[in-house]
Amino acid sequence: MKLNEKQMLNFAETLGKKLQAGDIIVLTGELGAGKTTFTKGLGLGLDIHQMIKSPTYTIVREYEGRLPLYHMDVYRIGDDPDSIDLDDYLFGNGVTVIEWGNLLAQDLPSEYLEIIFDYRDDEREVTLVAHGHRYETYLV
């Protein structure tokens, strides 16, 4: 999909309304590609009304809504995923969104939704990849 910022927020909000407890979303893309903006839209779909900020320096930010949202940025932990307790978030009762989650590779569960962002000329190309049957329903 090719989306401008407003369309991306709307798409993410619609997806956020469908999310269930335990869902994991991995966001992949370069700096400025729209990962945090996308998460803001998801937050709206989860009835989160506080400002969603990038968790780059805090690693994890938690928000309360219809379901808790655990927004992570694992870029700074690099190849040391044991520096934080991922299990509390990955197997919790909320929705986990992981920016730069591709860096976790084998530490990710086998099932998650990956969203790949490519930013070009004020437009984001967004690709959804289901890892496991649970996430195929979100591709429709």
C-alpha atoms as a PDB file:
ATOM      1  CA  MET A   1       0.000   0.000   0.000  1.00  0.00           C
ATOM      2  CA  LYS A   2       1.151   3.527  -0.698  1.00  0.00           C
ATOM      3  CA  LEU A   3      -0.111   5.931   1.938  1.00  0.00           C
ATOM      4  CA  ASN A   4       0.366   9.552   2.885  1.00  0.00           C
ATOM      5  CA  GLU A   5       0.601  10.366   6.594  1.00  0.00           C
ATOM      6  CA  LYS A   6      -3.153  10.874   7.092  1.00  0.00           C
ATOM      7  CA  GLN A   7      -4.029   7.668   5.251  1.00  0.00           C
ATOM      8  CA  MET A   8      -1.451   5.780   7.297  1.00  0.00           C
ATOM      9  CA  LEU A   9      -2.923   7.074  10.566  1.00  0.00           C
ATOM     10  CA  ASN A  10      -6.409   6.039   9.427  1.00  0.00           C
ATOM     11  CA  PHE A  11      -5.217   2.591   8.352  1.00  0.00           C
ATOM     12  CA  ALA A  12      -3.382   2.068  11.651  1.00  0.00           C
ATOM     13  CA  GLU A  13      -6.434   3.200  13.643  1.00  0.00           C
ATOM     14  CA  THR A  14      -8.624   0.693  11.787  1.00  0.00           C
ATOM     15  CA  LEU A  15      -6.093  -2.055  12.486  1.00  0.00           C
ATOM     16  CA  GLY A  16      -5.876  -0.991  16.142  1.00  0.00           C
ATOM     17  CA  LYS A  17      -9.628  -1.528  16.548  1.00  0.00           C
ATOM     18  CA  LYS A  18      -9.166  -5.175  15.493  1.00  0.00           C
ATOM     19  CA  LEU A  19      -6.200  -5.986  17.723  1.00  0.00           C
ATOM     20  CA  GLN A  20      -6.521  -8.461  20.568  1.00  0.00           C
ATOM     21  CA  ALA A  21      -4.645  -9.062  23.805  1.00  0.00           C
ATOM     22  CA  GLY A  22      -1.353 -10.803  23.090  1.00  0.00           C
ATOM     23  CA  ASP A  23      -0.938  -9.415  19.571  1.00  0.00           C
ATOM     24  CA  ILE A  24       2.619  -8.575  18.551  1.00  0.00           C
ATOM     25  CA  ILE A  25       3.462  -6.145  15.774  1.00  0.00           C
ATOM     26  CA  VAL A  26       7.003  -5.682  14.496  1.00  0.00           C
ATOM     27  CA  LEU A  27       7.695  -2.419  12.657  1.00  0.00           C
ATOM     28  CA  THR A  28      10.591  -2.402  10.216  1.00  0.00           C
ATOM     29  CA  GLY A  29      11.903   0.621   8.333  1.00  0.00           C
ATOM     30  CA  GLU A  30      14.550   3.307   8.322  1.00  0.00           C
ATOM     31  CA  LEU A  31      14.538   6.404  10.538  1.00  0.00           C
ATOM     32  CA  GLY A  32      11.673   8.684   9.602  1.00  0.00           C
ATOM     33  CA  ALA A  33       9.799   5.986   7.699  1.00  0.00           C
ATOM     34  CA  GLY A  34       6.687   6.343   9.876  1.00  0.00           C
ATOM     35  CA  LYS A  35       6.959   3.693  12.584  1.00  0.00           C
ATOM     36  CA  THR A  36       6.024   5.963  15.490  1.00  0.00           C
ATOM     37  CA  THR A  37       3.357   7.750  13.448  1.00  0.00           C
ATOM     38  CA  PHE A  38       1.843   4.361  12.654  1.00  0.00           C
ATOM     39  CA  THR A  39       1.863   3.494  16.359  1.00  0.00           C
ATOM     40  CA  LYS A  40      -0.033   6.727  17.099  1.00  0.00           C
ATOM     41  CA  GLY A  41      -2.784   5.501  14.772  1.00  0.00           C
ATOM     42  CA  LEU A  42      -2.821   2.093  16.460  1.00  0.00           C
ATOM     43  CA  GLY A  43      -3.183   3.891  19.785  1.00  0.00           C
ATOM     44  CA  LEU A  44      -6.270   5.696  18.522  1.00  0.00           C
ATOM     45  CA  GLY A  45      -7.748   2.344  17.543  1.00  0.00           C
ATOM     46  CA  LEU A  46      -7.010   1.067  21.056  1.00  0.00           C
ATOM     47  CA  ASP A  47      -8.773   4.105  22.602  1.00  0.00           C
ATOM     48  CA  ILE A  48      -5.543   5.603  23.896  1.00  0.00           C
ATOM     49  CA  HIS A  49      -5.893   9.347  24.232  1.00  0.00           C
ATOM     50  CA  GLN A  50      -2.519  10.348  25.614  1.00  0.00           C
ATOM     51  CA  MET A  51       0.296  11.423  23.304  1.00  0.00           C
ATOM     52  CA  ILE A  52       2.323   8.516  21.975  1.00  0.00           C
ATOM     53  CA  LYS A  53       6.016   9.331  21.776  1.00  0.00           C
ATOM     54  CA  SER A  54       8.986   7.453  20.401  1.00  0.00           C
ATOM     55  CA  PRO A  55      10.465   5.104  23.004  1.00  0.00           C
ATOM     56  CA  THR A  56      13.976   5.423  21.544  1.00  0.00           C
ATOM     57  CA  TYR A  57      15.655   6.446  24.799  1.00  0.00           C
ATOM     58  CA  THR A  58      13.308   4.759  27.254  1.00  0.00           C
ATOM     59  CA  ILE A  59      13.190   1.464  25.305  1.00  0.00           C
ATOM     60  CA  VAL A  60       9.550   0.827  26.383  1.00  0.00           C
ATOM     61  CA  ARG A  61       6.567   3.103  26.885  1.00  0.00           C
ATOM     62  CA  GLU A  62       3.280   1.774  28.246  1.00  0.00           C
ATOM     63  CA  TYR A  63      -0.133   3.251  27.499  1.00  0.00           C
ATOM     64  CA  GLU A  64      -3.589   2.364  28.830  1.00  0.00           C
ATOM     65  CA  GLY A  65      -6.627   2.057  26.570  1.00  0.00           C
ATOM     66  CA  ARG A  66      -9.070  -0.666  25.543  1.00  0.00           C
ATOM     67  CA  LEU A  67      -5.978  -2.863  25.822  1.00  0.00           C
ATOM     68  CA  PRO A  68      -2.574  -1.872  27.186  1.00  0.00           C
ATOM     69  CA  LEU A  69      -0.086  -0.857  24.500  1.00  0.00           C
ATOM     70  CA  TYR A  70       3.568  -1.705  25.018  1.00  0.00           C
ATOM     71  CA  HIS A  71       5.527   0.413  22.542  1.00  0.00           C
ATOM     72  CA  MET A  72       9.155  -0.655  22.282  1.00  0.00           C
ATOM     73  CA  ASP A  73      12.157   0.556  20.342  1.00  0.00           C
ATOM     74  CA  VAL A  74      14.892  -2.064  20.479  1.00  0.00           C
ATOM     75  CA  TYR A  75      17.405  -0.264  18.261  1.00  0.00           C
ATOM     76  CA  ARG A  76      19.521   0.791  21.254  1.00  0.00           C
ATOM     77  CA  ILE A  77      19.665  -2.675  22.831  1.00  0.00           C
ATOM     78  CA  GLY A  78      21.257  -4.027  19.664  1.00  0.00           C
ATOM     79  CA  ASP A  79      22.146  -7.657  19.897  1.00  0.00           C
ATOM     80  CA  ASP A  80      21.541  -7.876  23.664  1.00  0.00           C
ATOM     81  CA  PRO A  81      17.794  -8.573  23.980  1.00  0.00           C
ATOM     82  CA  ASP A  82      18.384  -9.991  27.461  1.00  0.00           C
ATOM     83  CA  SER A  83      19.008  -6.439  28.697  1.00  0.00           C
ATOM     84  CA  ILE A  84      15.217  -6.119  29.093  1.00  0.00           C
ATOM     85  CA  ASP A  85      12.631  -8.736  30.040  1.00  0.00           C
ATOM     86  CA  LEU A  86      10.811  -9.116  26.735  1.00  0.00           C
ATOM     87  CA  ASP A  87       8.563 -11.909  28.008  1.00  0.00           C
ATOM     88  CA  ASP A  88       6.604  -9.521  30.240  1.00  0.00           C
ATOM     89  CA  TYR A  89       5.559  -7.639  27.123  1.00  0.00           C
ATOM     90  CA  LEU A  90       5.451 -10.354  24.470  1.00  0.00           C
ATOM     91  CA  PHE A  91       3.256 -12.620  26.571  1.00  0.00           C
ATOM     92  CA  GLY A  92       1.336  -9.953  28.492  1.00  0.00           C
ATOM     93  CA  ASN A  93      -2.295  -8.941  28.326  1.00  0.00           C
ATOM     94  CA  GLY A  94      -1.806  -6.075  25.903  1.00  0.00           C
ATOM     95  CA  VAL A  95      -0.609  -5.306  22.398  1.00  0.00           C
ATOM     96  CA  THR A  96       3.144  -5.142  21.851  1.00  0.00           C
ATOM     97  CA  VAL A  97       4.557  -2.937  19.092  1.00  0.00           C
ATOM     98  CA  ILE A  98       8.292  -3.306  18.492  1.00  0.00           C
ATOM     99  CA  GLU A  99      10.149  -0.755  16.392  1.00  0.00           C
ATOM    100  CA  TRP A 100      13.288  -2.252  14.857  1.00  0.00           C
ATOM    101  CA  GLY A 101      11.978  -5.662  15.933  1.00  0.00           C
ATOM    102  CA  ASN A 102      13.819  -7.289  13.048  1.00  0.00           C
ATOM    103  CA  LEU A 103      16.972  -6.824  15.166  1.00  0.00           C
ATOM    104  CA  LEU A 104      15.607  -9.351  17.659  1.00  0.00           C
ATOM    105  CA  ALA A 105      15.468 -12.114  15.014  1.00  0.00           C
ATOM    106  CA  GLN A 106      15.427 -15.458  16.859  1.00  0.00           C
ATOM    107  CA  ASP A 107      14.220 -13.839  20.097  1.00  0.00           C
ATOM    108  CA  LEU A 108      10.831 -13.049  18.553  1.00  0.00           C
ATOM    109  CA  PRO A 109       7.953 -15.492  18.952  1.00  0.00           C
ATOM    110  CA  SER A 110       7.142 -17.531  15.859  1.00  0.00           C
ATOM    111  CA  GLU A 111       3.879 -15.643  15.279  1.00  0.00           C
ATOM    112  CA  TYR A 112       3.593 -11.881  14.818  1.00  0.00           C
ATOM    113  CA  LEU A 113       2.542  -9.270  12.276  1.00  0.00           C
ATOM    114  CA  GLU A 114       5.411  -7.499  10.547  1.00  0.00           C
ATOM    115  CA  ILE A 115       4.834  -4.109   8.969  1.00  0.00           C
ATOM    116  CA  ILE A 116       7.569  -2.888   6.659  1.00  0.00           C
ATOM    117  CA  PHE A 117       7.842   0.837   5.874  1.00  0.00           C
ATOM    118  CA  ASP A 118       9.592   2.387   2.917  1.00  0.00           C
ATOM    119  CA  TYR A 119       9.502   6.202   2.726  1.00  0.00           C
ATOM    120  CA  ARG A 120       9.734   7.904  -0.651  1.00  0.00           C
ATOM    121  CA  ASP A 121       8.600  11.312  -1.901  1.00  0.00           C
ATOM    122  CA  ASP A 122       6.210  12.122   0.963  1.00  0.00           C
ATOM    123  CA  GLU A 123       4.566   8.735   0.636  1.00  0.00           C
ATOM    124  CA  ARG A 124       5.047   5.602   2.665  1.00  0.00           C
ATOM    125  CA  GLU A 125       4.909   2.216   1.085  1.00  0.00           C
ATOM    126  CA  VAL A 126       3.571  -0.130   3.730  1.00  0.00           C
ATOM    127  CA  THR A 127       3.800  -3.911   3.428  1.00  0.00           C
ATOM    128  CA  LEU A 128       2.152  -6.307   5.885  1.00  0.00           C
ATOM    129  CA  VAL A 129       3.633  -9.767   6.408  1.00  0.00           C
ATOM    130  CA  ALA A 130       1.854 -12.338   8.585  1.00  0.00           C
ATOM    131  CA  HIS A 131       4.129 -14.657  10.518  1.00  0.00           C
ATOM    132  CA  GLY A 132       1.731 -17.417  11.566  1.00  0.00           C
ATOM    133  CA  HIS A 133      -1.944 -18.103  10.924  1.00  0.00           C
ATOM    134  CA  ARG A 134      -3.186 -15.855  13.734  1.00  0.00           C
ATOM    135  CA  TYR A 135      -2.056 -12.756  11.847  1.00  0.00           C
ATOM    136  CA  GLU A 136      -3.356 -13.632   8.388  1.00  0.00           C
ATOM    137  CA  THR A 137      -6.757 -12.174   9.311  1.00  0.00           C
ATOM    138  CA  TYR A 138      -5.144  -8.733   9.602  1.00  0.00           C
ATOM    139  CA  LEU A 139      -4.011  -8.833   5.987  1.00  0.00           C
ATOM    140  CA  VAL A 140      -7.557  -8.453   4.658  1.00  0.00           C
END
